Amino acid sequence: MTTWDSTIGAFVTEVPIDFASSGDNIIVGGIARQRIKVLQFFYVIAAATNLIFKSGSTPKTGSMNFGTNAAQVEDFIQLPMTCNPGDPFIINSSIAVQIGGTLWYVQG
C-alpha cells in the first residue's frame, strides 16, 4: 500500500516482512540509481536467530541476537537506514525461522 505523508515529502510504501528461510531475504527490491530509506518496521521471530540488515551485500548492522518469540519495533526513524543506490534491503537470518511483520520505506 502506498500513502502520501507530506511531512516526509515522498510516497511511503508499506510491505510485509514474511519469510522462514536462512540467509539473505529480500524485503524491498532495488531499483537502478534509487535509494531505499527504511523509516519504520516491526517484526516477531518464532525461534532464536541472529539477524543482519543489509544494503545488497553490504552489512548495515552487526549481527543482532534474538531469542525465541522475540520482537523488534522501530518507530519512525528521523535518520532512516539508507541503502546504496540500486541495492535491495535485505534481512539475513542465521537459521531458517519464521519472521513476520511490516516495514515502511521511501524509494527514490
N, C-alpha and C. Protein backbone atom coordinates (compact mmCIF):
# COMPACT_ATOMS: atom_id res chain seq x y z
N MET A 1 0.85 -1.16 0.00
CA MET A 1 0.00 0.00 0.00
C MET A 1 0.90 1.23 0.00
N THR A 2 0.60 2.21 -0.86
CA THR A 2 1.36 3.44 -0.93
C THR A 2 0.49 4.58 -0.42
N THR A 3 1.03 5.39 0.48
CA THR A 3 0.29 6.53 1.00
C THR A 3 1.16 7.78 0.91
N TRP A 4 0.55 8.93 1.02
CA TRP A 4 1.28 10.18 0.95
C TRP A 4 1.41 10.77 2.35
N ASP A 5 2.62 11.10 2.75
CA ASP A 5 2.88 11.75 4.02
C ASP A 5 3.67 13.01 3.72
N SER A 6 3.00 14.15 3.74
CA SER A 6 3.64 15.41 3.34
C SER A 6 4.77 15.82 4.28
N THR A 7 4.81 15.28 5.50
CA THR A 7 5.90 15.63 6.41
C THR A 7 7.21 14.98 5.99
N ILE A 8 7.13 13.88 5.27
CA ILE A 8 8.33 13.20 4.79
C ILE A 8 8.72 13.73 3.42
N GLY A 9 7.73 14.15 2.64
CA GLY A 9 8.00 14.72 1.34
C GLY A 9 8.09 13.69 0.22
N ALA A 10 7.66 12.48 0.47
CA ALA A 10 7.71 11.44 -0.57
C ALA A 10 6.63 10.39 -0.29
N PHE A 11 6.42 9.51 -1.23
CA PHE A 11 5.47 8.43 -1.04
C PHE A 11 6.07 7.40 -0.08
N VAL A 12 5.29 7.02 0.92
CA VAL A 12 5.71 6.00 1.86
C VAL A 12 5.03 4.70 1.46
N THR A 13 5.81 3.65 1.35
CA THR A 13 5.29 2.35 0.95
C THR A 13 5.39 1.38 2.12
N GLU A 14 4.34 0.58 2.29
CA GLU A 14 4.27 -0.42 3.34
C GLU A 14 4.37 -1.79 2.70
N VAL A 15 5.26 -2.65 3.22
CA VAL A 15 5.40 -4.02 2.71
C VAL A 15 5.45 -5.00 3.87
N PRO A 16 4.98 -6.22 3.65
CA PRO A 16 5.08 -7.22 4.71
C PRO A 16 6.51 -7.73 4.85
N ILE A 17 6.88 -8.07 6.07
CA ILE A 17 8.08 -8.87 6.34
C ILE A 17 7.55 -10.26 6.61
N ASP A 18 7.90 -11.22 5.77
CA ASP A 18 7.33 -12.56 5.90
C ASP A 18 8.25 -13.57 5.22
N PHE A 19 9.10 -14.21 6.02
CA PHE A 19 9.97 -15.24 5.46
C PHE A 19 10.29 -16.27 6.53
N ALA A 20 10.77 -17.42 6.08
CA ALA A 20 11.10 -18.51 7.01
C ALA A 20 12.36 -19.23 6.55
N SER A 21 13.23 -18.53 5.85
CA SER A 21 14.45 -19.16 5.33
C SER A 21 15.69 -18.50 5.94
N SER A 22 16.78 -19.26 5.95
CA SER A 22 18.04 -18.71 6.43
C SER A 22 18.72 -17.95 5.29
N GLY A 23 19.74 -17.18 5.65
CA GLY A 23 20.48 -16.42 4.64
C GLY A 23 19.80 -15.11 4.32
N ASP A 24 20.11 -14.56 3.12
CA ASP A 24 19.59 -13.26 2.69
C ASP A 24 18.14 -13.37 2.25
N ASN A 25 17.28 -12.52 2.82
CA ASN A 25 15.87 -12.44 2.46
C ASN A 25 15.59 -11.02 2.00
N ILE A 26 15.24 -10.84 0.73
CA ILE A 26 14.99 -9.50 0.18
C ILE A 26 13.62 -9.03 0.67
N ILE A 27 13.62 -7.89 1.36
CA ILE A 27 12.39 -7.31 1.87
C ILE A 27 11.87 -6.25 0.89
N VAL A 28 12.78 -5.44 0.35
CA VAL A 28 12.44 -4.43 -0.66
C VAL A 28 13.43 -4.57 -1.80
N GLY A 29 12.94 -4.78 -3.01
CA GLY A 29 13.80 -4.91 -4.17
C GLY A 29 14.43 -3.58 -4.58
N GLY A 30 15.64 -3.65 -5.07
CA GLY A 30 16.34 -2.45 -5.52
C GLY A 30 15.90 -2.02 -6.91
N ILE A 31 16.01 -0.73 -7.18
CA ILE A 31 15.74 -0.15 -8.50
C ILE A 31 16.97 0.67 -8.86
N ALA A 32 17.47 0.50 -10.08
CA ALA A 32 18.69 1.17 -10.52
C ALA A 32 18.67 2.66 -10.17
N ARG A 33 19.78 3.12 -9.58
CA ARG A 33 20.01 4.53 -9.24
C ARG A 33 19.08 5.08 -8.17
N GLN A 34 18.26 4.24 -7.54
CA GLN A 34 17.37 4.73 -6.47
C GLN A 34 17.80 4.15 -5.13
N ARG A 35 17.61 4.94 -4.08
CA ARG A 35 17.94 4.52 -2.71
C ARG A 35 16.67 4.13 -1.96
N ILE A 36 16.76 3.08 -1.18
CA ILE A 36 15.70 2.69 -0.26
C ILE A 36 16.04 3.32 1.08
N LYS A 37 15.06 3.99 1.70
CA LYS A 37 15.24 4.56 3.03
C LYS A 37 14.21 3.95 3.95
N VAL A 38 14.68 3.09 4.86
CA VAL A 38 13.80 2.39 5.80
C VAL A 38 13.43 3.36 6.92
N LEU A 39 12.11 3.60 7.08
CA LEU A 39 11.63 4.58 8.05
C LEU A 39 11.11 3.97 9.35
N GLN A 40 10.49 2.78 9.25
CA GLN A 40 9.85 2.21 10.41
C GLN A 40 9.58 0.74 10.13
N PHE A 41 9.62 -0.11 11.18
CA PHE A 41 9.30 -1.52 10.99
C PHE A 41 8.98 -2.17 12.33
N PHE A 42 8.36 -3.34 12.24
CA PHE A 42 8.22 -4.22 13.39
C PHE A 42 8.20 -5.65 12.88
N TYR A 43 8.64 -6.57 13.71
CA TYR A 43 8.57 -7.99 13.36
C TYR A 43 8.64 -8.84 14.62
N VAL A 44 8.18 -10.09 14.47
CA VAL A 44 8.22 -11.08 15.53
C VAL A 44 8.96 -12.29 14.99
N ILE A 45 9.81 -12.89 15.83
CA ILE A 45 10.67 -14.01 15.43
C ILE A 45 10.25 -15.25 16.21
N ALA A 46 9.99 -16.36 15.51
CA ALA A 46 9.46 -17.57 16.14
C ALA A 46 10.50 -18.35 16.94
N ALA A 47 11.77 -18.27 16.59
CA ALA A 47 12.81 -19.04 17.29
C ALA A 47 14.10 -18.22 17.32
N ALA A 48 15.03 -18.61 18.15
CA ALA A 48 16.29 -17.88 18.29
C ALA A 48 17.06 -17.83 16.98
N THR A 49 17.58 -16.65 16.64
CA THR A 49 18.38 -16.46 15.43
C THR A 49 19.21 -15.20 15.59
N ASN A 50 20.15 -15.01 14.68
CA ASN A 50 20.92 -13.77 14.56
C ASN A 50 20.51 -13.10 13.26
N LEU A 51 20.24 -11.80 13.30
CA LEU A 51 19.85 -11.05 12.12
C LEU A 51 20.90 -10.00 11.78
N ILE A 52 21.06 -9.75 10.48
CA ILE A 52 21.89 -8.66 9.98
C ILE A 52 21.07 -7.94 8.91
N PHE A 53 20.95 -6.61 9.03
CA PHE A 53 20.30 -5.81 8.00
C PHE A 53 21.37 -5.45 6.97
N LYS A 54 20.99 -5.54 5.67
CA LYS A 54 21.99 -5.31 4.62
C LYS A 54 21.44 -4.43 3.49
N SER A 55 22.34 -3.70 2.87
CA SER A 55 22.09 -3.00 1.61
C SER A 55 22.80 -3.83 0.55
N GLY A 56 22.02 -4.66 -0.18
CA GLY A 56 22.67 -5.61 -1.08
C GLY A 56 23.58 -6.52 -0.28
N SER A 57 24.86 -6.57 -0.64
CA SER A 57 25.82 -7.41 0.09
C SER A 57 26.52 -6.66 1.23
N THR A 58 26.23 -5.36 1.41
CA THR A 58 26.89 -4.54 2.41
C THR A 58 26.11 -4.54 3.73
N PRO A 59 26.71 -5.04 4.82
CA PRO A 59 26.02 -5.02 6.11
C PRO A 59 25.76 -3.58 6.57
N LYS A 60 24.55 -3.33 7.08
CA LYS A 60 24.20 -2.03 7.67
C LYS A 60 24.20 -2.13 9.19
N THR A 61 24.16 -3.35 9.72
CA THR A 61 24.23 -3.58 11.17
C THR A 61 25.20 -4.73 11.41
N GLY A 62 25.61 -4.86 12.65
CA GLY A 62 26.32 -6.07 13.06
C GLY A 62 25.30 -7.17 13.29
N SER A 63 25.77 -8.34 13.66
CA SER A 63 24.89 -9.46 13.95
C SER A 63 24.13 -9.17 15.24
N MET A 64 22.80 -9.27 15.17
CA MET A 64 21.94 -8.99 16.32
C MET A 64 21.29 -10.30 16.76
N ASN A 65 21.49 -10.67 18.02
CA ASN A 65 21.00 -11.93 18.55
C ASN A 65 19.59 -11.76 19.12
N PHE A 66 18.67 -12.62 18.68
CA PHE A 66 17.29 -12.60 19.16
C PHE A 66 16.93 -13.97 19.69
N GLY A 67 16.17 -14.01 20.78
CA GLY A 67 15.71 -15.25 21.36
C GLY A 67 14.38 -15.70 20.77
N THR A 68 13.89 -16.84 21.23
CA THR A 68 12.61 -17.37 20.79
C THR A 68 11.49 -16.40 21.13
N ASN A 69 10.56 -16.22 20.19
CA ASN A 69 9.41 -15.31 20.34
C ASN A 69 9.83 -13.87 20.62
N ALA A 70 10.98 -13.48 20.09
CA ALA A 70 11.46 -12.10 20.24
C ALA A 70 10.73 -11.19 19.25
N ALA A 71 10.78 -9.91 19.53
CA ALA A 71 10.18 -8.92 18.63
C ALA A 71 11.05 -7.68 18.63
N GLN A 72 10.96 -6.91 17.55
CA GLN A 72 11.62 -5.62 17.48
C GLN A 72 10.66 -4.64 16.85
N VAL A 73 10.54 -3.47 17.48
CA VAL A 73 9.72 -2.38 16.96
C VAL A 73 10.63 -1.18 16.79
N GLU A 74 10.68 -0.64 15.60
CA GLU A 74 11.44 0.58 15.32
C GLU A 74 10.44 1.63 14.88
N ASP A 75 10.13 2.57 15.79
CA ASP A 75 9.21 3.65 15.44
C ASP A 75 9.86 4.53 14.39
N PHE A 76 9.12 5.50 13.92
CA PHE A 76 9.60 6.38 12.85
C PHE A 76 11.03 6.84 13.12
N ILE A 77 11.89 6.66 12.13
CA ILE A 77 13.31 6.98 12.24
C ILE A 77 13.58 8.32 11.55
N GLN A 78 14.04 9.32 12.31
CA GLN A 78 14.36 10.62 11.71
C GLN A 78 15.53 10.52 10.74
N LEU A 79 16.49 9.62 11.03
CA LEU A 79 17.62 9.37 10.15
C LEU A 79 17.47 7.95 9.64
N PRO A 80 16.80 7.77 8.51
CA PRO A 80 16.48 6.42 8.05
C PRO A 80 17.71 5.58 7.71
N MET A 81 17.54 4.27 7.81
CA MET A 81 18.58 3.34 7.35
C MET A 81 18.54 3.39 5.82
N THR A 82 19.62 3.82 5.18
CA THR A 82 19.63 4.08 3.75
C THR A 82 20.48 3.05 3.02
N CYS A 83 19.90 2.48 1.97
CA CYS A 83 20.64 1.52 1.13
C CYS A 83 21.42 2.26 0.06
N ASN A 84 22.45 1.61 -0.47
CA ASN A 84 23.21 2.16 -1.59
C ASN A 84 22.33 2.19 -2.83
N PRO A 85 22.57 3.12 -3.76
CA PRO A 85 21.74 3.20 -4.97
C PRO A 85 21.65 1.86 -5.69
N GLY A 86 20.42 1.45 -5.98
CA GLY A 86 20.16 0.21 -6.72
C GLY A 86 20.12 -1.05 -5.88
N ASP A 87 20.57 -0.98 -4.62
CA ASP A 87 20.61 -2.17 -3.76
C ASP A 87 19.24 -2.49 -3.17
N PRO A 88 18.95 -3.78 -2.97
CA PRO A 88 17.76 -4.17 -2.22
C PRO A 88 18.02 -4.04 -0.72
N PHE A 89 16.95 -3.94 0.08
CA PHE A 89 17.07 -4.01 1.53
C PHE A 89 16.86 -5.47 1.92
N ILE A 90 17.81 -6.02 2.65
CA ILE A 90 17.84 -7.45 2.97
C ILE A 90 17.90 -7.64 4.48
N ILE A 91 17.19 -8.66 4.96
CA ILE A 91 17.38 -9.15 6.32
C ILE A 91 17.97 -10.55 6.21
N ASN A 92 19.16 -10.71 6.78
CA ASN A 92 19.84 -12.01 6.78
C ASN A 92 19.57 -12.69 8.11
N SER A 93 19.09 -13.93 8.06
CA SER A 93 18.83 -14.72 9.26
C SER A 93 19.80 -15.89 9.31
N SER A 94 20.37 -16.13 10.49
CA SER A 94 21.37 -17.19 10.62
C SER A 94 20.76 -18.60 10.52
N ILE A 95 19.46 -18.73 10.81
CA ILE A 95 18.79 -20.03 10.68
C ILE A 95 17.44 -19.85 9.99
N ALA A 96 16.88 -20.94 9.52
CA ALA A 96 15.54 -20.91 8.92
C ALA A 96 14.52 -20.80 10.06
N VAL A 97 13.85 -19.66 10.14
CA VAL A 97 12.88 -19.40 11.20
C VAL A 97 11.82 -18.44 10.65
N GLN A 98 10.58 -18.60 11.08
CA GLN A 98 9.52 -17.69 10.64
C GLN A 98 9.70 -16.32 11.27
N ILE A 99 9.71 -15.30 10.41
CA ILE A 99 9.78 -13.91 10.85
C ILE A 99 8.69 -13.16 10.11
N GLY A 100 7.84 -12.45 10.84
CA GLY A 100 6.73 -11.74 10.22
C GLY A 100 6.55 -10.36 10.82
N GLY A 101 6.14 -9.42 10.00
CA GLY A 101 5.90 -8.06 10.45
C GLY A 101 5.59 -7.15 9.29
N THR A 102 5.90 -5.86 9.44
CA THR A 102 5.64 -4.84 8.42
C THR A 102 6.79 -3.85 8.41
N LEU A 103 7.08 -3.29 7.23
CA LEU A 103 8.15 -2.31 7.05
C LEU A 103 7.60 -1.16 6.21
N TRP A 104 7.96 0.08 6.58
CA TRP A 104 7.59 1.27 5.82
C TRP A 104 8.87 1.92 5.31
N TYR A 105 8.86 2.33 4.03
CA TYR A 105 10.06 2.90 3.43
C TYR A 105 9.70 3.89 2.33
N VAL A 106 10.68 4.69 1.93
CA VAL A 106 10.57 5.52 0.73
C VAL A 106 11.69 5.08 -0.21
N GLN A 107 11.46 5.27 -1.51
CA GLN A 107 12.46 4.89 -2.51
C GLN A 107 12.50 5.96 -3.58
N GLY A 108 13.70 6.40 -3.89
CA GLY A 108 13.80 7.42 -4.92
C GLY A 108 15.21 7.84 -5.16
